[in-house]
Amino acid sequence: VYHLFCAEYCGTDHAVMDGSIVVMEPRQYQQWLSERPMGIADVIPEGMTPNTAPQSMAGAGEVLFQRLGCITCHRMGGGGIGPSLVGLLGKSVALENGQTVLADIQYIRDSVLDPHAQIVAGYQPIMPTYEGQIDEEELLQLVEYIAALDEE
């Protein structure tokens, strides 16, 4: 087991951004794969990869949300260093400057591209911008995923 730590200082809870990598023999890994809960890899048609498999925009956004590490700060149950995004679409959001804005599709899009423009009250302006880091299709996927998160 190897312990890993975030290599970029990104806020007050930086010390909790860690994980573990478990190294195992190929046979053990195959057994682990067969025992884990179903994930995106289990619904990809044979001969396709996660990058070529057809999926919904929200589904692709979920994969991207995890790949970019958004889940590290925006935890689904709250308690992260960034606000929870569950049930965000259509809600009023209190900002650090005292204003309140409606979390619509444009707000979500703008928050991904320019996260320091409208800081949510109670949170630090530590989110990096994704402008120039993701293309338009990936941005649409992320926005669709975030918009689809509901409080079930």
N, C-alpha and C. Protein backbone atom coordinates (compact mmCIF):
# COMPACT_ATOMS: atom_id res chain seq x y z
N VAL A 1 0.85 -1.17 0.00
CA VAL A 1 0.00 0.00 0.00
C VAL A 1 0.89 1.23 0.00
N TYR A 2 0.63 2.11 -0.94
CA TYR A 2 1.36 3.37 -1.03
C TYR A 2 0.39 4.50 -0.71
N HIS A 3 0.82 5.41 0.11
CA HIS A 3 -0.01 6.56 0.44
C HIS A 3 0.32 7.68 -0.54
N LEU A 4 -0.71 8.42 -0.94
CA LEU A 4 -0.48 9.54 -1.84
C LEU A 4 -1.09 10.80 -1.25
N PHE A 5 -0.53 11.92 -1.65
CA PHE A 5 -0.96 13.21 -1.15
C PHE A 5 -1.09 14.16 -2.33
N CYS A 6 -2.01 15.08 -2.23
CA CYS A 6 -2.20 16.09 -3.26
C CYS A 6 -0.90 16.87 -3.43
N ALA A 7 -0.50 17.11 -4.66
CA ALA A 7 0.77 17.78 -4.94
C ALA A 7 0.61 19.28 -5.18
N GLU A 8 -0.61 19.79 -5.02
CA GLU A 8 -0.84 21.22 -5.26
C GLU A 8 -1.55 21.82 -4.06
N TYR A 9 -0.97 22.86 -3.49
CA TYR A 9 -1.62 23.52 -2.36
C TYR A 9 -2.86 24.24 -2.89
N CYS A 10 -4.01 23.88 -2.36
CA CYS A 10 -5.25 24.44 -2.91
C CYS A 10 -6.25 24.86 -1.84
N GLY A 11 -5.83 25.01 -0.62
CA GLY A 11 -6.76 25.52 0.37
C GLY A 11 -6.51 25.03 1.78
N THR A 12 -7.42 25.41 2.65
CA THR A 12 -7.24 25.13 4.07
C THR A 12 -7.34 23.65 4.41
N ASP A 13 -8.06 22.88 3.63
CA ASP A 13 -8.18 21.44 3.91
C ASP A 13 -7.24 20.61 3.05
N HIS A 14 -6.17 21.22 2.59
CA HIS A 14 -5.21 20.53 1.74
C HIS A 14 -4.68 19.25 2.41
N ALA A 15 -4.53 19.29 3.70
CA ALA A 15 -3.96 18.15 4.42
C ALA A 15 -4.84 16.91 4.37
N VAL A 16 -6.13 17.06 4.05
CA VAL A 16 -7.00 15.88 4.00
C VAL A 16 -7.13 15.31 2.59
N MET A 17 -6.42 15.87 1.64
CA MET A 17 -6.47 15.37 0.27
C MET A 17 -5.41 14.29 0.10
N ASP A 18 -5.75 13.11 0.52
CA ASP A 18 -4.82 12.01 0.43
C ASP A 18 -5.56 10.76 -0.03
N GLY A 19 -4.82 9.73 -0.27
CA GLY A 19 -5.42 8.47 -0.70
C GLY A 19 -4.40 7.36 -0.59
N SER A 20 -4.79 6.21 -1.06
CA SER A 20 -3.91 5.05 -1.03
C SER A 20 -3.97 4.32 -2.36
N ILE A 21 -2.85 3.78 -2.74
CA ILE A 21 -2.77 2.92 -3.92
C ILE A 21 -2.38 1.54 -3.41
N VAL A 22 -3.20 0.57 -3.73
CA VAL A 22 -2.93 -0.80 -3.31
C VAL A 22 -2.37 -1.56 -4.51
N VAL A 23 -1.18 -2.09 -4.36
CA VAL A 23 -0.54 -2.85 -5.42
C VAL A 23 -0.84 -4.32 -5.18
N MET A 24 -1.28 -5.02 -6.23
CA MET A 24 -1.60 -6.44 -6.09
C MET A 24 -1.23 -7.18 -7.37
N GLU A 25 -1.15 -8.47 -7.24
CA GLU A 25 -0.87 -9.33 -8.38
C GLU A 25 -2.05 -9.28 -9.35
N PRO A 26 -1.82 -9.52 -10.65
CA PRO A 26 -2.91 -9.47 -11.62
C PRO A 26 -4.10 -10.35 -11.24
N ARG A 27 -3.85 -11.54 -10.72
CA ARG A 27 -4.94 -12.44 -10.32
C ARG A 27 -5.77 -11.82 -9.20
N GLN A 28 -5.09 -11.23 -8.21
CA GLN A 28 -5.80 -10.57 -7.11
C GLN A 28 -6.61 -9.38 -7.62
N TYR A 29 -6.04 -8.65 -8.57
CA TYR A 29 -6.73 -7.49 -9.13
C TYR A 29 -8.00 -7.94 -9.86
N GLN A 30 -7.92 -9.00 -10.64
CA GLN A 30 -9.10 -9.51 -11.34
C GLN A 30 -10.18 -9.94 -10.35
N GLN A 31 -9.78 -10.55 -9.25
CA GLN A 31 -10.75 -10.95 -8.23
C GLN A 31 -11.39 -9.71 -7.62
N TRP A 32 -10.58 -8.70 -7.32
CA TRP A 32 -11.12 -7.45 -6.76
C TRP A 32 -12.12 -6.82 -7.73
N LEU A 33 -11.77 -6.81 -9.02
CA LEU A 33 -12.68 -6.25 -10.02
C LEU A 33 -14.02 -6.99 -10.04
N SER A 34 -13.96 -8.31 -9.91
CA SER A 34 -15.21 -9.09 -9.98
C SER A 34 -16.08 -8.90 -8.74
N GLU A 35 -15.50 -8.44 -7.64
CA GLU A 35 -16.26 -8.29 -6.39
C GLU A 35 -16.75 -6.87 -6.13
N ARG A 36 -16.30 -5.91 -6.92
CA ARG A 36 -16.68 -4.52 -6.65
C ARG A 36 -18.07 -4.22 -7.22
N PRO A 37 -18.69 -3.15 -6.73
CA PRO A 37 -20.00 -2.75 -7.26
C PRO A 37 -19.89 -2.32 -8.72
N MET A 38 -20.99 -2.42 -9.44
CA MET A 38 -20.99 -2.05 -10.84
C MET A 38 -20.67 -0.57 -11.01
N GLY A 39 -19.83 -0.27 -11.96
CA GLY A 39 -19.47 1.10 -12.26
C GLY A 39 -19.58 1.35 -13.75
N ILE A 40 -19.08 2.47 -14.21
CA ILE A 40 -19.19 2.84 -15.61
C ILE A 40 -18.53 1.81 -16.52
N ALA A 41 -17.42 1.21 -16.08
CA ALA A 41 -16.73 0.23 -16.92
C ALA A 41 -17.59 -1.00 -17.19
N ASP A 42 -18.56 -1.27 -16.33
CA ASP A 42 -19.40 -2.45 -16.50
C ASP A 42 -20.52 -2.26 -17.51
N VAL A 43 -20.79 -1.05 -17.91
CA VAL A 43 -21.88 -0.81 -18.86
C VAL A 43 -21.36 -0.37 -20.22
N ILE A 44 -20.06 -0.42 -20.42
CA ILE A 44 -19.47 -0.05 -21.70
C ILE A 44 -19.50 -1.26 -22.62
N PRO A 45 -20.02 -1.10 -23.84
CA PRO A 45 -20.07 -2.22 -24.77
C PRO A 45 -18.68 -2.77 -25.05
N GLU A 46 -18.62 -4.08 -25.30
CA GLU A 46 -17.34 -4.74 -25.56
C GLU A 46 -16.64 -4.08 -26.74
N GLY A 47 -15.36 -3.91 -26.62
CA GLY A 47 -14.57 -3.30 -27.68
C GLY A 47 -14.51 -1.79 -27.61
N MET A 48 -15.20 -1.20 -26.65
CA MET A 48 -15.19 0.25 -26.51
C MET A 48 -14.47 0.62 -25.22
N THR A 49 -14.06 1.86 -25.13
CA THR A 49 -13.43 2.38 -23.93
C THR A 49 -14.33 3.44 -23.34
N PRO A 50 -14.07 3.90 -22.11
CA PRO A 50 -14.89 4.98 -21.55
C PRO A 50 -14.91 6.23 -22.44
N ASN A 51 -13.84 6.43 -23.23
CA ASN A 51 -13.80 7.61 -24.09
C ASN A 51 -14.62 7.45 -25.37
N THR A 52 -14.89 6.21 -25.79
CA THR A 52 -15.63 6.01 -27.03
C THR A 52 -17.03 5.47 -26.81
N ALA A 53 -17.34 5.04 -25.61
CA ALA A 53 -18.66 4.47 -25.33
C ALA A 53 -19.74 5.55 -25.38
N PRO A 54 -20.87 5.23 -26.01
CA PRO A 54 -21.96 6.21 -26.00
C PRO A 54 -22.52 6.34 -24.59
N GLN A 55 -22.77 7.54 -24.16
CA GLN A 55 -23.34 7.76 -22.85
C GLN A 55 -24.04 9.11 -22.85
N SER A 56 -24.84 9.34 -21.87
CA SER A 56 -25.54 10.61 -21.78
C SER A 56 -24.54 11.73 -21.48
N MET A 57 -24.96 12.94 -21.74
CA MET A 57 -24.12 14.09 -21.41
C MET A 57 -23.83 14.11 -19.91
N ALA A 58 -24.86 13.86 -19.11
CA ALA A 58 -24.68 13.86 -17.65
C ALA A 58 -23.74 12.72 -17.23
N GLY A 59 -23.87 11.56 -17.87
CA GLY A 59 -22.99 10.43 -17.56
C GLY A 59 -21.54 10.75 -17.89
N ALA A 60 -21.33 11.38 -19.03
CA ALA A 60 -19.97 11.78 -19.41
C ALA A 60 -19.46 12.85 -18.44
N GLY A 61 -20.37 13.73 -18.01
CA GLY A 61 -20.00 14.76 -17.05
C GLY A 61 -19.59 14.18 -15.71
N GLU A 62 -20.27 13.11 -15.30
CA GLU A 62 -19.92 12.46 -14.04
C GLU A 62 -18.52 11.89 -14.10
N VAL A 63 -18.19 11.23 -15.22
CA VAL A 63 -16.85 10.68 -15.39
C VAL A 63 -15.82 11.81 -15.35
N LEU A 64 -16.11 12.90 -16.03
CA LEU A 64 -15.21 14.05 -16.05
C LEU A 64 -15.08 14.70 -14.67
N PHE A 65 -16.19 14.80 -13.95
CA PHE A 65 -16.22 15.37 -12.60
C PHE A 65 -15.26 14.61 -11.69
N GLN A 66 -15.25 13.31 -11.83
CA GLN A 66 -14.34 12.49 -11.02
C GLN A 66 -12.91 12.59 -11.53
N ARG A 67 -12.73 12.55 -12.86
CA ARG A 67 -11.39 12.60 -13.43
C ARG A 67 -10.68 13.91 -13.11
N LEU A 68 -11.40 15.00 -13.12
CA LEU A 68 -10.80 16.30 -12.82
C LEU A 68 -10.59 16.53 -11.33
N GLY A 69 -11.13 15.65 -10.51
CA GLY A 69 -10.96 15.77 -9.06
C GLY A 69 -11.96 16.70 -8.40
N CYS A 70 -13.02 17.08 -9.11
CA CYS A 70 -14.02 17.99 -8.54
C CYS A 70 -14.63 17.40 -7.26
N ILE A 71 -14.78 16.09 -7.26
CA ILE A 71 -15.40 15.38 -6.13
C ILE A 71 -14.59 15.57 -4.84
N THR A 72 -13.31 15.91 -4.96
CA THR A 72 -12.47 16.11 -3.79
C THR A 72 -12.98 17.25 -2.92
N CYS A 73 -13.38 18.33 -3.55
CA CYS A 73 -13.84 19.51 -2.80
C CYS A 73 -15.36 19.61 -2.73
N HIS A 74 -16.04 19.17 -3.79
CA HIS A 74 -17.50 19.25 -3.86
C HIS A 74 -18.09 17.88 -3.55
N ARG A 75 -18.07 17.52 -2.28
CA ARG A 75 -18.57 16.21 -1.85
C ARG A 75 -20.09 16.19 -1.91
N MET A 76 -20.63 15.06 -2.31
CA MET A 76 -22.08 14.95 -2.50
C MET A 76 -22.86 15.15 -1.21
N GLY A 77 -22.34 14.73 -0.10
CA GLY A 77 -23.05 14.88 1.17
C GLY A 77 -22.71 16.16 1.90
N GLY A 78 -21.94 17.03 1.26
CA GLY A 78 -21.50 18.25 1.93
C GLY A 78 -20.25 17.97 2.73
N GLY A 79 -19.77 18.95 3.44
CA GLY A 79 -18.59 18.77 4.28
C GLY A 79 -17.28 18.93 3.55
N GLY A 80 -17.32 19.29 2.26
CA GLY A 80 -16.08 19.51 1.52
C GLY A 80 -15.62 20.94 1.66
N ILE A 81 -14.46 21.24 1.09
CA ILE A 81 -13.97 22.61 1.16
C ILE A 81 -14.67 23.50 0.13
N GLY A 82 -15.44 22.88 -0.76
CA GLY A 82 -16.28 23.60 -1.71
C GLY A 82 -17.73 23.26 -1.41
N PRO A 83 -18.66 24.08 -1.87
CA PRO A 83 -20.07 23.80 -1.58
C PRO A 83 -20.56 22.53 -2.27
N SER A 84 -21.52 21.86 -1.65
CA SER A 84 -22.15 20.71 -2.29
C SER A 84 -22.91 21.21 -3.51
N LEU A 85 -22.91 20.43 -4.57
CA LEU A 85 -23.60 20.82 -5.79
C LEU A 85 -24.93 20.09 -5.95
N VAL A 86 -25.26 19.24 -5.01
CA VAL A 86 -26.50 18.47 -5.06
C VAL A 86 -27.69 19.42 -4.92
N GLY A 87 -28.61 19.35 -5.86
CA GLY A 87 -29.80 20.18 -5.82
C GLY A 87 -29.53 21.65 -6.11
N LEU A 88 -28.40 21.96 -6.71
CA LEU A 88 -28.02 23.35 -6.95
C LEU A 88 -28.92 24.06 -7.96
N LEU A 89 -29.22 23.39 -9.06
CA LEU A 89 -29.97 24.03 -10.14
C LEU A 89 -31.30 24.58 -9.65
N GLY A 90 -31.52 25.86 -9.90
CA GLY A 90 -32.78 26.50 -9.53
C GLY A 90 -32.81 27.10 -8.13
N LYS A 91 -31.75 26.90 -7.37
CA LYS A 91 -31.71 27.44 -6.01
C LYS A 91 -31.09 28.84 -5.99
N SER A 92 -31.41 29.58 -4.95
CA SER A 92 -30.76 30.86 -4.70
C SER A 92 -29.45 30.58 -3.98
N VAL A 93 -28.40 31.27 -4.40
CA VAL A 93 -27.07 31.08 -3.82
C VAL A 93 -26.62 32.40 -3.21
N ALA A 94 -26.32 32.37 -1.91
CA ALA A 94 -25.80 33.56 -1.23
C ALA A 94 -24.31 33.68 -1.53
N LEU A 95 -23.91 34.87 -1.95
CA LEU A 95 -22.51 35.10 -2.30
C LEU A 95 -21.79 35.85 -1.19
N GLU A 96 -20.48 35.74 -1.22
CA GLU A 96 -19.62 36.37 -0.21
C GLU A 96 -19.81 37.89 -0.15
N ASN A 97 -20.16 38.49 -1.30
CA ASN A 97 -20.33 39.95 -1.35
C ASN A 97 -21.70 40.41 -0.87
N GLY A 98 -22.53 39.49 -0.38
CA GLY A 98 -23.85 39.83 0.14
C GLY A 98 -24.97 39.70 -0.87
N GLN A 99 -24.64 39.54 -2.13
CA GLN A 99 -25.66 39.36 -3.16
C GLN A 99 -26.19 37.93 -3.14
N THR A 100 -27.32 37.74 -3.79
CA THR A 100 -27.88 36.41 -3.99
C THR A 100 -28.13 36.25 -5.49
N VAL A 101 -27.76 35.09 -6.02
CA VAL A 101 -27.97 34.82 -7.44
C VAL A 101 -28.73 33.51 -7.59
N LEU A 102 -29.38 33.35 -8.74
CA LEU A 102 -30.07 32.11 -9.06
C LEU A 102 -29.09 31.17 -9.73
N ALA A 103 -29.02 29.95 -9.25
CA ALA A 103 -28.12 28.95 -9.84
C ALA A 103 -28.81 28.33 -11.05
N ASP A 104 -28.65 28.99 -12.19
CA ASP A 104 -29.18 28.46 -13.44
C ASP A 104 -28.02 27.87 -14.24
N ILE A 105 -28.30 27.43 -15.45
CA ILE A 105 -27.27 26.81 -16.28
C ILE A 105 -26.11 27.78 -16.51
N GLN A 106 -26.40 29.05 -16.77
CA GLN A 106 -25.35 30.03 -17.01
C GLN A 106 -24.47 30.22 -15.77
N TYR A 107 -25.08 30.22 -14.59
CA TYR A 107 -24.32 30.36 -13.34
C TYR A 107 -23.35 29.18 -13.18
N ILE A 108 -23.84 27.97 -13.44
CA ILE A 108 -22.98 26.78 -13.32
C ILE A 108 -21.83 26.88 -14.31
N ARG A 109 -22.14 27.21 -15.54
CA ARG A 109 -21.12 27.35 -16.58
C ARG A 109 -20.07 28.39 -16.18
N ASP A 110 -20.54 29.56 -15.77
CA ASP A 110 -19.62 30.63 -15.37
C ASP A 110 -18.77 30.23 -14.18
N SER A 111 -19.34 29.47 -13.26
CA SER A 111 -18.61 29.06 -12.06
C SER A 111 -17.49 28.08 -12.37
N VAL A 112 -17.65 27.29 -13.43
CA VAL A 112 -16.59 26.37 -13.85
C VAL A 112 -15.47 27.16 -14.53
N LEU A 113 -15.84 28.11 -15.37
CA LEU A 113 -14.85 28.86 -16.14
C LEU A 113 -14.19 30.00 -15.36
N ASP A 114 -14.94 30.64 -14.49
CA ASP A 114 -14.42 31.78 -13.72
C ASP A 114 -14.91 31.68 -12.28
N PRO A 115 -14.39 30.71 -11.52
CA PRO A 115 -14.92 30.42 -10.19
C PRO A 115 -14.75 31.55 -9.18
N HIS A 116 -13.89 32.50 -9.44
CA HIS A 116 -13.68 33.58 -8.48
C HIS A 116 -14.60 34.77 -8.72
N ALA A 117 -15.40 34.73 -9.77
CA ALA A 117 -16.29 35.85 -10.08
C ALA A 117 -17.44 35.95 -9.08
N GLN A 118 -17.93 34.82 -8.61
CA GLN A 118 -19.05 34.80 -7.67
C GLN A 118 -18.76 33.76 -6.59
N ILE A 119 -18.12 34.19 -5.52
CA ILE A 119 -17.73 33.29 -4.44
C ILE A 119 -18.93 33.02 -3.53
N VAL A 120 -19.21 31.74 -3.31
CA VAL A 120 -20.32 31.36 -2.43
C VAL A 120 -19.96 31.74 -0.99
N ALA A 121 -20.91 32.33 -0.29
CA ALA A 121 -20.70 32.76 1.10
C ALA A 121 -20.23 31.59 1.95
N GLY A 122 -19.20 31.83 2.74
CA GLY A 122 -18.69 30.82 3.65
C GLY A 122 -17.59 29.95 3.06
N TYR A 123 -17.21 30.21 1.81
CA TYR A 123 -16.18 29.40 1.15
C TYR A 123 -15.04 30.29 0.67
N GLN A 124 -13.85 29.72 0.63
CA GLN A 124 -12.66 30.44 0.18
C GLN A 124 -12.58 30.39 -1.35
N PRO A 125 -11.99 31.40 -1.97
CA PRO A 125 -11.83 31.42 -3.43
C PRO A 125 -10.61 30.60 -3.86
N ILE A 126 -10.70 29.30 -3.73
CA ILE A 126 -9.54 28.44 -4.02
C ILE A 126 -9.73 27.54 -5.23
N MET A 127 -10.93 27.53 -5.81
CA MET A 127 -11.16 26.66 -6.96
C MET A 127 -10.38 27.18 -8.17
N PRO A 128 -9.69 26.28 -8.87
CA PRO A 128 -8.98 26.71 -10.07
C PRO A 128 -9.97 26.93 -11.22
N THR A 129 -9.58 27.74 -12.17
CA THR A 129 -10.41 27.92 -13.36
C THR A 129 -10.21 26.73 -14.29
N TYR A 130 -11.24 26.39 -15.03
CA TYR A 130 -11.12 25.34 -16.03
C TYR A 130 -11.18 25.91 -17.44
N GLU A 131 -11.17 27.25 -17.53
CA GLU A 131 -11.12 27.89 -18.85
C GLU A 131 -9.79 27.54 -19.50
N GLY A 132 -9.84 27.02 -20.71
CA GLY A 132 -8.64 26.60 -21.40
C GLY A 132 -8.15 25.22 -20.99
N GLN A 133 -8.75 24.64 -19.96
CA GLN A 133 -8.37 23.31 -19.48
C GLN A 133 -9.29 22.23 -20.03
N ILE A 134 -10.53 22.61 -20.31
CA ILE A 134 -11.51 21.68 -20.87
C ILE A 134 -12.11 22.32 -22.12
N ASP A 135 -12.54 21.49 -23.05
CA ASP A 135 -13.14 22.05 -24.26
C ASP A 135 -14.64 22.27 -24.05
N GLU A 136 -15.29 22.83 -25.05
CA GLU A 136 -16.71 23.18 -24.94
C GLU A 136 -17.58 21.96 -24.66
N GLU A 137 -17.29 20.85 -25.31
CA GLU A 137 -18.09 19.64 -25.09
C GLU A 137 -17.95 19.16 -23.64
N GLU A 138 -16.73 19.16 -23.12
CA GLU A 138 -16.53 18.75 -21.73
C GLU A 138 -17.22 19.71 -20.77
N LEU A 139 -17.19 20.99 -21.08
CA LEU A 139 -17.89 21.97 -20.25
C LEU A 139 -19.38 21.69 -20.22
N LEU A 140 -19.96 21.42 -21.38
CA LEU A 140 -21.39 21.09 -21.45
C LEU A 140 -21.71 19.82 -20.67
N GLN A 141 -20.82 18.84 -20.72
CA GLN A 141 -21.01 17.60 -19.97
C GLN A 141 -20.99 17.87 -18.47
N LEU A 142 -20.02 18.65 -18.02
CA LEU A 142 -19.94 18.98 -16.59
C LEU A 142 -21.19 19.73 -16.13
N VAL A 143 -21.60 20.72 -16.91
CA VAL A 143 -22.78 21.51 -16.55
C VAL A 143 -24.01 20.61 -16.50
N GLU A 144 -24.15 19.72 -17.46
CA GLU A 144 -25.31 18.81 -17.49
C GLU A 144 -25.31 17.89 -16.26
N TYR A 145 -24.14 17.39 -15.89
CA TYR A 145 -24.05 16.52 -14.71
C TYR A 145 -24.42 17.29 -13.44
N ILE A 146 -23.84 18.46 -13.26
CA ILE A 146 -24.12 19.25 -12.06
C ILE A 146 -25.59 19.63 -12.00
N ALA A 147 -26.16 20.00 -13.15
CA ALA A 147 -27.58 20.37 -13.20
C ALA A 147 -28.48 19.19 -12.87
N ALA A 148 -28.01 17.98 -13.17
CA ALA A 148 -28.83 16.78 -12.95
C ALA A 148 -28.76 16.26 -11.51
N LEU A 149 -27.82 16.74 -10.73
CA LEU A 149 -27.70 16.27 -9.34
C LEU A 149 -28.91 16.73 -8.55
N ASP A 150 -29.64 15.79 -8.01
CA ASP A 150 -30.78 16.19 -7.18
C ASP A 150 -30.67 15.57 -5.81
N GLU A 151 -31.55 15.95 -4.93
CA GLU A 151 -31.43 15.60 -3.51
C GLU A 151 -32.17 14.32 -3.14
N GLU A 152 -32.18 13.34 -4.03
CA GLU A 152 -32.88 12.08 -3.72
C GLU A 152 -32.18 11.32 -2.63
